[in-house]
Amino acid sequence: MKVNFYATLRLITGAKTIEFTIKEGGTVKDLVDEIVLTYPSMRQELLDHDGNLYGHVHVFVNGRDNRFLEKRMDTQIFNRDQIDIFPAVGGGSTENILE
């Protein structure tokens, strides 16, 4: 299964897209567990001390944030699905905003 990483997560993986192996019909949680197993430093970027996905991390399954899917982290995923993982992005300046 191909997973696209964005922003600071690419610094950890060293690439935009990485392929992971999970069983067909596995869950979003299974995938996140595999990502953390493959890239241990991802744990602190993705998961809180209880092992739950941080609120500021977004896992999209076919363009839909898993938080809005019926089963959330227990949503089944398949090799044909498009997976994108985004950390929170913030900052910037309001200096050039017109009033």
N, C-alpha and C. Protein backbone atom coordinates (compact mmCIF):
# COMPACT_ATOMS: atom_id res chain seq x y z
N MET A 1 0.84 -1.16 0.00
CA MET A 1 0.00 0.00 0.00
C MET A 1 0.89 1.23 0.00
N LYS A 2 0.63 2.15 -0.92
CA LYS A 2 1.42 3.37 -1.00
C LYS A 2 0.81 4.44 -0.11
N VAL A 3 1.69 5.10 0.65
CA VAL A 3 1.26 6.15 1.58
C VAL A 3 2.05 7.41 1.25
N ASN A 4 1.34 8.51 1.10
CA ASN A 4 1.96 9.81 0.84
C ASN A 4 2.11 10.57 2.15
N PHE A 5 3.32 11.07 2.38
CA PHE A 5 3.61 11.85 3.58
C PHE A 5 3.83 13.30 3.18
N TYR A 6 3.48 14.21 4.08
CA TYR A 6 3.58 15.64 3.80
C TYR A 6 4.34 16.37 4.89
N ALA A 7 4.84 17.54 4.51
CA ALA A 7 5.51 18.47 5.43
C ALA A 7 6.64 17.78 6.18
N THR A 8 6.68 17.97 7.49
CA THR A 8 7.80 17.48 8.30
C THR A 8 7.90 15.95 8.32
N LEU A 9 6.83 15.25 8.02
CA LEU A 9 6.89 13.78 8.02
C LEU A 9 7.79 13.26 6.90
N ARG A 10 7.91 14.03 5.82
CA ARG A 10 8.80 13.63 4.73
C ARG A 10 10.26 13.64 5.16
N LEU A 11 10.59 14.49 6.12
CA LEU A 11 11.96 14.53 6.62
C LEU A 11 12.32 13.21 7.29
N ILE A 12 11.35 12.59 7.91
CA ILE A 12 11.59 11.31 8.60
C ILE A 12 11.67 10.16 7.60
N THR A 13 10.75 10.13 6.64
CA THR A 13 10.72 9.02 5.68
C THR A 13 11.77 9.17 4.59
N GLY A 14 12.16 10.42 4.31
CA GLY A 14 13.13 10.66 3.25
C GLY A 14 12.52 10.61 1.86
N ALA A 15 11.19 10.49 1.79
CA ALA A 15 10.52 10.43 0.49
C ALA A 15 9.06 10.84 0.66
N LYS A 16 8.45 11.24 -0.44
CA LYS A 16 7.03 11.60 -0.40
C LYS A 16 6.15 10.37 -0.24
N THR A 17 6.45 9.33 -1.00
CA THR A 17 5.61 8.14 -1.04
C THR A 17 6.43 6.93 -0.60
N ILE A 18 5.87 6.18 0.33
CA ILE A 18 6.51 4.96 0.84
C ILE A 18 5.48 3.83 0.74
N GLU A 19 5.95 2.66 0.39
CA GLU A 19 5.07 1.50 0.31
C GLU A 19 5.17 0.68 1.59
N PHE A 20 4.01 0.31 2.13
CA PHE A 20 3.92 -0.50 3.34
C PHE A 20 3.11 -1.75 3.02
N THR A 21 3.38 -2.80 3.77
CA THR A 21 2.63 -4.03 3.61
C THR A 21 1.75 -4.24 4.83
N ILE A 22 0.46 -4.24 4.60
CA ILE A 22 -0.48 -4.64 5.65
C ILE A 22 -1.45 -5.62 5.00
N LYS A 23 -2.09 -6.42 5.82
CA LYS A 23 -3.01 -7.40 5.26
C LYS A 23 -4.18 -6.68 4.60
N GLU A 24 -4.65 -7.26 3.50
CA GLU A 24 -5.80 -6.70 2.79
C GLU A 24 -6.99 -6.64 3.74
N GLY A 25 -7.61 -5.48 3.84
CA GLY A 25 -8.72 -5.30 4.77
C GLY A 25 -8.27 -4.93 6.17
N GLY A 26 -6.96 -4.66 6.32
CA GLY A 26 -6.46 -4.17 7.60
C GLY A 26 -7.08 -2.80 7.87
N THR A 27 -6.73 -2.21 8.97
CA THR A 27 -7.34 -0.94 9.37
C THR A 27 -6.34 0.21 9.29
N VAL A 28 -6.86 1.42 9.41
CA VAL A 28 -6.00 2.60 9.49
C VAL A 28 -5.03 2.44 10.65
N LYS A 29 -5.52 1.92 11.77
CA LYS A 29 -4.65 1.71 12.94
C LYS A 29 -3.53 0.73 12.60
N ASP A 30 -3.85 -0.35 11.90
CA ASP A 30 -2.82 -1.31 11.49
C ASP A 30 -1.74 -0.62 10.66
N LEU A 31 -2.16 0.25 9.77
CA LEU A 31 -1.20 0.97 8.93
C LEU A 31 -0.33 1.90 9.76
N VAL A 32 -0.94 2.65 10.66
CA VAL A 32 -0.17 3.56 11.52
C VAL A 32 0.82 2.75 12.36
N ASP A 33 0.39 1.61 12.88
CA ASP A 33 1.31 0.75 13.65
C ASP A 33 2.49 0.31 12.79
N GLU A 34 2.24 -0.04 11.54
CA GLU A 34 3.31 -0.47 10.62
C GLU A 34 4.26 0.69 10.32
N ILE A 35 3.71 1.89 10.16
CA ILE A 35 4.54 3.07 9.91
C ILE A 35 5.48 3.31 11.09
N VAL A 36 4.94 3.23 12.30
CA VAL A 36 5.75 3.45 13.51
C VAL A 36 6.79 2.34 13.67
N LEU A 37 6.43 1.13 13.31
CA LEU A 37 7.39 0.02 13.38
C LEU A 37 8.55 0.24 12.40
N THR A 38 8.22 0.72 11.21
CA THR A 38 9.23 0.95 10.18
C THR A 38 10.07 2.19 10.47
N TYR A 39 9.41 3.23 10.97
CA TYR A 39 10.07 4.52 11.28
C TYR A 39 9.78 4.87 12.75
N PRO A 40 10.55 4.32 13.69
CA PRO A 40 10.27 4.54 15.12
C PRO A 40 10.14 6.01 15.53
N SER A 41 10.87 6.90 14.87
CA SER A 41 10.77 8.32 15.25
C SER A 41 9.42 8.92 14.85
N MET A 42 8.65 8.22 14.05
CA MET A 42 7.29 8.68 13.70
C MET A 42 6.36 8.62 14.91
N ARG A 43 6.67 7.75 15.85
CA ARG A 43 5.78 7.60 17.00
C ARG A 43 5.53 8.94 17.68
N GLN A 44 6.58 9.68 17.95
CA GLN A 44 6.41 10.96 18.65
C GLN A 44 5.71 11.99 17.78
N GLU A 45 5.74 11.81 16.46
CA GLU A 45 5.08 12.74 15.55
C GLU A 45 3.60 12.41 15.36
N LEU A 46 3.25 11.13 15.48
CA LEU A 46 1.90 10.68 15.17
C LEU A 46 1.05 10.34 16.38
N LEU A 47 1.67 9.78 17.43
CA LEU A 47 0.90 9.19 18.53
C LEU A 47 1.17 9.85 19.87
N ASP A 48 0.13 9.95 20.68
CA ASP A 48 0.29 10.46 22.04
C ASP A 48 0.81 9.35 22.95
N HIS A 49 0.97 9.63 24.24
CA HIS A 49 1.55 8.65 25.16
C HIS A 49 0.68 7.41 25.34
N ASP A 50 -0.62 7.50 24.98
CA ASP A 50 -1.52 6.35 25.06
C ASP A 50 -1.59 5.57 23.75
N GLY A 51 -0.83 6.02 22.74
CA GLY A 51 -0.83 5.33 21.46
C GLY A 51 -1.94 5.76 20.52
N ASN A 52 -2.62 6.86 20.85
CA ASN A 52 -3.69 7.37 20.00
C ASN A 52 -3.14 8.43 19.05
N LEU A 53 -3.73 8.51 17.87
CA LEU A 53 -3.32 9.51 16.89
C LEU A 53 -3.57 10.91 17.45
N TYR A 54 -2.55 11.76 17.38
CA TYR A 54 -2.71 13.14 17.83
C TYR A 54 -3.85 13.81 17.06
N GLY A 55 -4.53 14.72 17.70
CA GLY A 55 -5.61 15.45 17.06
C GLY A 55 -5.15 16.31 15.89
N HIS A 56 -3.89 16.71 15.89
CA HIS A 56 -3.39 17.56 14.82
C HIS A 56 -2.83 16.78 13.64
N VAL A 57 -2.86 15.46 13.71
CA VAL A 57 -2.40 14.62 12.60
C VAL A 57 -3.62 14.12 11.85
N HIS A 58 -3.56 14.22 10.53
CA HIS A 58 -4.70 13.82 9.71
C HIS A 58 -4.30 12.70 8.76
N VAL A 59 -5.05 11.60 8.84
CA VAL A 59 -4.87 10.48 7.93
C VAL A 59 -6.07 10.48 6.99
N PHE A 60 -5.80 10.69 5.71
CA PHE A 60 -6.87 10.72 4.72
C PHE A 60 -6.91 9.40 3.98
N VAL A 61 -8.11 8.84 3.86
CA VAL A 61 -8.35 7.63 3.10
C VAL A 61 -9.21 8.03 1.91
N ASN A 62 -8.64 7.94 0.74
CA ASN A 62 -9.34 8.35 -0.48
C ASN A 62 -9.90 9.77 -0.37
N GLY A 63 -9.09 10.66 0.20
CA GLY A 63 -9.46 12.07 0.28
C GLY A 63 -10.36 12.44 1.46
N ARG A 64 -10.68 11.48 2.32
CA ARG A 64 -11.54 11.78 3.47
C ARG A 64 -10.76 11.58 4.77
N ASP A 65 -10.79 12.59 5.62
CA ASP A 65 -10.12 12.52 6.92
C ASP A 65 -10.74 11.37 7.71
N ASN A 66 -9.88 10.52 8.27
CA ASN A 66 -10.40 9.35 8.98
C ASN A 66 -11.31 9.72 10.15
N ARG A 67 -11.18 10.93 10.68
CA ARG A 67 -12.05 11.36 11.78
C ARG A 67 -13.52 11.44 11.36
N PHE A 68 -13.74 11.58 10.07
CA PHE A 68 -15.10 11.69 9.57
C PHE A 68 -15.61 10.39 8.96
N LEU A 69 -14.81 9.35 9.03
CA LEU A 69 -15.24 8.04 8.58
C LEU A 69 -15.93 7.33 9.75
N GLU A 70 -16.90 6.53 9.45
CA GLU A 70 -17.72 5.89 10.48
C GLU A 70 -16.90 5.15 11.53
N LYS A 71 -15.88 4.43 11.11
CA LYS A 71 -15.11 3.62 12.06
C LYS A 71 -13.77 4.24 12.42
N ARG A 72 -13.52 5.45 11.99
CA ARG A 72 -12.29 6.19 12.30
C ARG A 72 -11.04 5.34 12.11
N MET A 73 -10.26 5.10 13.17
CA MET A 73 -9.02 4.33 13.06
C MET A 73 -9.28 2.85 12.77
N ASP A 74 -10.50 2.40 12.98
CA ASP A 74 -10.86 1.01 12.69
C ASP A 74 -11.41 0.83 11.28
N THR A 75 -11.34 1.88 10.47
CA THR A 75 -11.78 1.81 9.08
C THR A 75 -10.89 0.85 8.31
N GLN A 76 -11.49 -0.07 7.58
CA GLN A 76 -10.71 -0.99 6.75
C GLN A 76 -10.13 -0.24 5.57
N ILE A 77 -8.91 -0.61 5.21
CA ILE A 77 -8.27 -0.03 4.05
C ILE A 77 -7.76 -1.16 3.16
N PHE A 78 -7.63 -0.84 1.88
CA PHE A 78 -7.24 -1.83 0.89
C PHE A 78 -6.12 -1.27 0.03
N ASN A 79 -5.37 -2.14 -0.63
CA ASN A 79 -4.21 -1.72 -1.42
C ASN A 79 -4.57 -0.69 -2.49
N ARG A 80 -5.79 -0.68 -2.96
CA ARG A 80 -6.20 0.28 -4.00
C ARG A 80 -6.50 1.67 -3.42
N ASP A 81 -6.59 1.80 -2.09
CA ASP A 81 -6.93 3.07 -1.46
C ASP A 81 -5.75 4.04 -1.53
N GLN A 82 -6.09 5.33 -1.60
CA GLN A 82 -5.07 6.37 -1.54
C GLN A 82 -5.00 6.86 -0.10
N ILE A 83 -3.80 6.80 0.48
CA ILE A 83 -3.59 7.22 1.86
C ILE A 83 -2.64 8.40 1.89
N ASP A 84 -3.04 9.45 2.59
CA ASP A 84 -2.23 10.65 2.75
C ASP A 84 -2.18 10.99 4.23
N ILE A 85 -0.98 11.31 4.73
CA ILE A 85 -0.83 11.65 6.14
C ILE A 85 -0.20 13.03 6.25
N PHE A 86 -0.93 13.90 6.97
CA PHE A 86 -0.52 15.29 7.15
C PHE A 86 -0.33 15.60 8.63
N PRO A 87 0.78 16.22 9.00
CA PRO A 87 0.88 16.77 10.35
C PRO A 87 0.21 18.14 10.32
N ALA A 88 -0.01 18.70 11.48
CA ALA A 88 -0.56 20.06 11.52
C ALA A 88 0.44 21.01 10.90
N VAL A 89 -0.06 21.96 10.17
CA VAL A 89 0.78 22.98 9.59
C VAL A 89 0.27 24.32 10.11
N GLY A 90 1.16 25.08 10.66
CA GLY A 90 0.74 26.36 11.22
C GLY A 90 1.81 27.40 10.99
N GLY A 91 1.51 28.57 11.48
CA GLY A 91 2.49 29.64 11.37
C GLY A 91 2.16 30.55 10.22
N GLY A 92 3.13 31.29 9.82
CA GLY A 92 2.92 32.25 8.74
C GLY A 92 2.73 33.63 9.32
N SER A 93 2.53 34.58 8.47
CA SER A 93 2.43 35.95 8.89
C SER A 93 1.14 36.57 8.38
N THR A 94 0.57 37.44 9.17
CA THR A 94 -0.62 38.18 8.76
C THR A 94 -0.24 39.58 8.30
N GLU A 95 1.04 39.82 8.18
CA GLU A 95 1.57 41.14 7.86
C GLU A 95 1.02 41.70 6.54
N ASN A 96 0.81 40.84 5.55
CA ASN A 96 0.40 41.31 4.23
C ASN A 96 -1.11 41.21 3.99
N ILE A 97 -1.88 40.95 5.01
CA ILE A 97 -3.33 40.85 4.85
C ILE A 97 -3.92 42.25 4.83
N LEU A 98 -4.74 42.52 3.81
CA LEU A 98 -5.39 43.82 3.71
C LEU A 98 -6.62 43.86 4.61
N GLU A 99 -6.85 45.00 5.19
CA GLU A 99 -8.03 45.13 6.06
C GLU A 99 -9.18 45.70 5.27
